[in-house]
Amino acid sequence: MLKKLFVVSLAILLFAGAVMPALAGFVWCATDPNILLPQGGVVHVVASVPQEYKNVTWTLEIQAPAGSRVVGNTGNITVVLQEGPVGQITATASTGFPVKLNAKYKGNWLGEVIWGDGNGSVTWSW
């Protein structure tokens, strides 16, 4: 039984080691954009880029419900806000370097996406 537990633990550690390098080298931007929605909720968009690009300015186009606005400091991210459907936000980037995005609304993570070339679009709904 102890041998089986050891083998399972070792397999888990090896698997975790194989998965972790895929995210290595990403740093969280300290100034992720928050989108204040017209009904009062806030969508927190979490953006990360590889260390070597953390000081590069890039554009994130966001479609959000009419009346939404960007709040807080977005740092090196230029946010272009456009009107979009109620109940969802769409983020689009074209950077030429890897970008990882996630969004959180009312304590719930809406989903993560990684674009290896920095080009893509993602829609989150709630």
Protein backbone atom coordinates (compact mmCIF):
# COMPACT_ATOMS: atom_id res chain seq x y z
CA MET A 1 0.00 0.00 0.00
CA LEU A 2 2.81 2.39 0.92
CA LYS A 3 4.62 1.58 -2.33
CA LYS A 4 1.46 2.33 -4.34
CA LEU A 5 1.02 5.67 -2.52
CA PHE A 6 4.64 6.56 -3.30
CA VAL A 7 4.19 5.74 -6.99
CA VAL A 8 1.01 7.83 -7.22
CA SER A 9 2.68 10.76 -5.42
CA LEU A 10 5.68 10.55 -7.72
CA ALA A 11 3.43 10.50 -10.80
CA ILE A 12 1.59 13.61 -9.56
CA LEU A 13 4.87 15.45 -8.97
CA LEU A 14 6.18 14.52 -12.41
CA PHE A 15 2.96 15.62 -14.05
CA ALA A 16 2.98 18.94 -12.16
CA GLY A 17 6.58 19.51 -13.21
CA ALA A 18 5.67 18.88 -16.84
CA VAL A 19 2.75 21.33 -16.72
CA MET A 20 4.35 24.18 -14.76
CA PRO A 21 6.99 25.26 -17.32
CA ALA A 22 4.23 26.23 -19.74
CA LEU A 23 3.43 29.17 -17.47
CA ALA A 24 6.99 29.94 -16.44
CA GLY A 25 8.25 33.36 -17.43
CA PHE A 26 4.88 35.11 -17.14
CA VAL A 27 4.61 37.99 -14.70
CA TRP A 28 1.40 39.54 -13.52
CA CYS A 29 0.97 43.14 -14.58
CA ALA A 30 0.42 45.24 -11.47
CA THR A 31 -2.08 47.47 -13.26
CA ASP A 32 -4.75 45.23 -14.72
CA PRO A 33 -7.76 47.05 -16.16
CA ASN A 34 -11.04 47.03 -14.25
CA ILE A 35 -14.24 47.59 -16.20
CA LEU A 36 -17.02 49.27 -14.23
CA LEU A 37 -20.32 48.04 -15.63
CA PRO A 38 -23.41 50.28 -15.83
CA GLN A 39 -25.33 48.15 -13.31
CA GLY A 40 -22.48 48.68 -10.80
CA GLY A 41 -20.50 45.43 -11.07
CA VAL A 42 -16.80 45.38 -11.92
CA VAL A 43 -15.02 42.98 -14.25
CA HIS A 44 -11.35 42.63 -13.31
CA VAL A 45 -9.29 41.69 -16.38
CA VAL A 46 -6.03 40.04 -15.32
CA ALA A 47 -3.32 40.40 -17.97
CA SER A 48 0.17 38.92 -17.92
CA VAL A 49 3.06 38.95 -20.35
CA PRO A 50 6.57 37.45 -20.36
CA GLN A 51 9.08 39.28 -18.17
CA GLU A 52 10.91 40.84 -21.13
CA TYR A 53 7.71 42.60 -22.28
CA LYS A 54 6.45 43.89 -18.92
CA ASN A 55 7.41 47.51 -19.76
CA VAL A 56 6.12 47.46 -23.35
CA THR A 57 2.94 49.43 -24.01
CA TRP A 58 0.26 47.41 -25.78
CA THR A 59 -3.41 47.82 -26.64
CA LEU A 60 -6.31 45.79 -25.32
CA GLU A 61 -9.60 46.39 -27.12
CA ILE A 62 -12.57 45.65 -24.89
CA GLN A 63 -16.22 45.47 -25.86
CA ALA A 64 -18.45 45.88 -22.81
CA PRO A 65 -22.10 46.76 -22.18
CA ALA A 66 -23.09 50.34 -23.04
CA GLY A 67 -22.24 52.74 -20.24
CA SER A 68 -19.20 50.75 -19.02
CA ARG A 69 -15.97 52.54 -18.24
CA VAL A 70 -12.36 51.72 -17.39
CA VAL A 71 -11.46 52.45 -13.78
CA GLY A 72 -8.07 52.40 -12.09
CA ASN A 73 -4.59 52.65 -13.55
CA THR A 74 -3.97 50.46 -16.60
CA GLY A 75 -0.20 51.10 -16.67
CA ASN A 76 1.35 49.89 -19.94
CA ILE A 77 -1.98 48.63 -21.27
CA THR A 78 -3.88 51.07 -23.48
CA VAL A 79 -7.53 50.09 -23.17
CA VAL A 80 -9.87 50.96 -26.03
CA LEU A 81 -13.43 50.53 -24.78
CA GLN A 82 -16.24 49.91 -27.24
CA GLU A 83 -19.95 49.20 -26.79
CA GLY A 84 -20.87 45.54 -26.78
CA PRO A 85 -23.69 43.20 -25.72
CA VAL A 86 -25.16 43.10 -22.22
CA GLY A 87 -23.88 40.27 -20.04
CA GLN A 88 -20.50 39.80 -21.67
CA ILE A 89 -17.10 41.33 -22.29
CA THR A 90 -14.85 40.65 -25.28
CA ALA A 91 -11.12 41.37 -25.12
CA THR A 92 -8.94 41.49 -28.24
CA ALA A 93 -5.18 41.96 -28.51
CA SER A 94 -2.56 41.97 -31.23
CA THR A 95 0.84 42.33 -29.58
CA GLY A 96 3.37 40.13 -31.35
CA PHE A 97 4.39 38.61 -27.98
CA PRO A 98 2.61 36.14 -25.67
CA VAL A 99 -0.34 37.39 -23.64
CA LYS A 100 -2.33 35.61 -20.94
CA LEU A 101 -5.77 36.97 -19.98
CA ASN A 102 -8.28 36.01 -17.36
CA ALA A 103 -11.34 37.81 -16.01
CA LYS A 104 -13.07 37.83 -12.65
CA TYR A 105 -16.63 39.01 -11.99
CA LYS A 106 -18.41 38.89 -8.62
CA GLY A 107 -15.74 36.56 -7.22
CA ASN A 108 -15.96 34.08 -10.09
CA TRP A 109 -13.16 33.45 -12.58
CA LEU A 110 -14.66 33.57 -16.06
CA GLY A 111 -11.85 31.75 -17.88
CA GLU A 112 -8.24 32.03 -18.92
CA VAL A 113 -6.71 32.22 -22.40
CA ILE A 114 -3.09 32.27 -23.56
CA TRP A 115 -2.14 33.52 -27.00
CA GLY A 116 1.42 32.47 -27.84
CA ASP A 117 1.75 35.12 -30.55
CA GLY A 118 -0.30 37.72 -28.65
CA ASN A 119 -3.07 37.72 -31.24
CA GLY A 120 -6.58 36.72 -30.34
CA SER A 121 -10.00 37.50 -29.00
CA VAL A 122 -11.90 36.05 -26.05
CA THR A 123 -15.46 36.57 -24.84
CA TRP A 124 -16.49 36.11 -21.24
CA SER A 125 -20.16 35.89 -20.24
CA TRP A 126 -21.90 35.92 -16.90
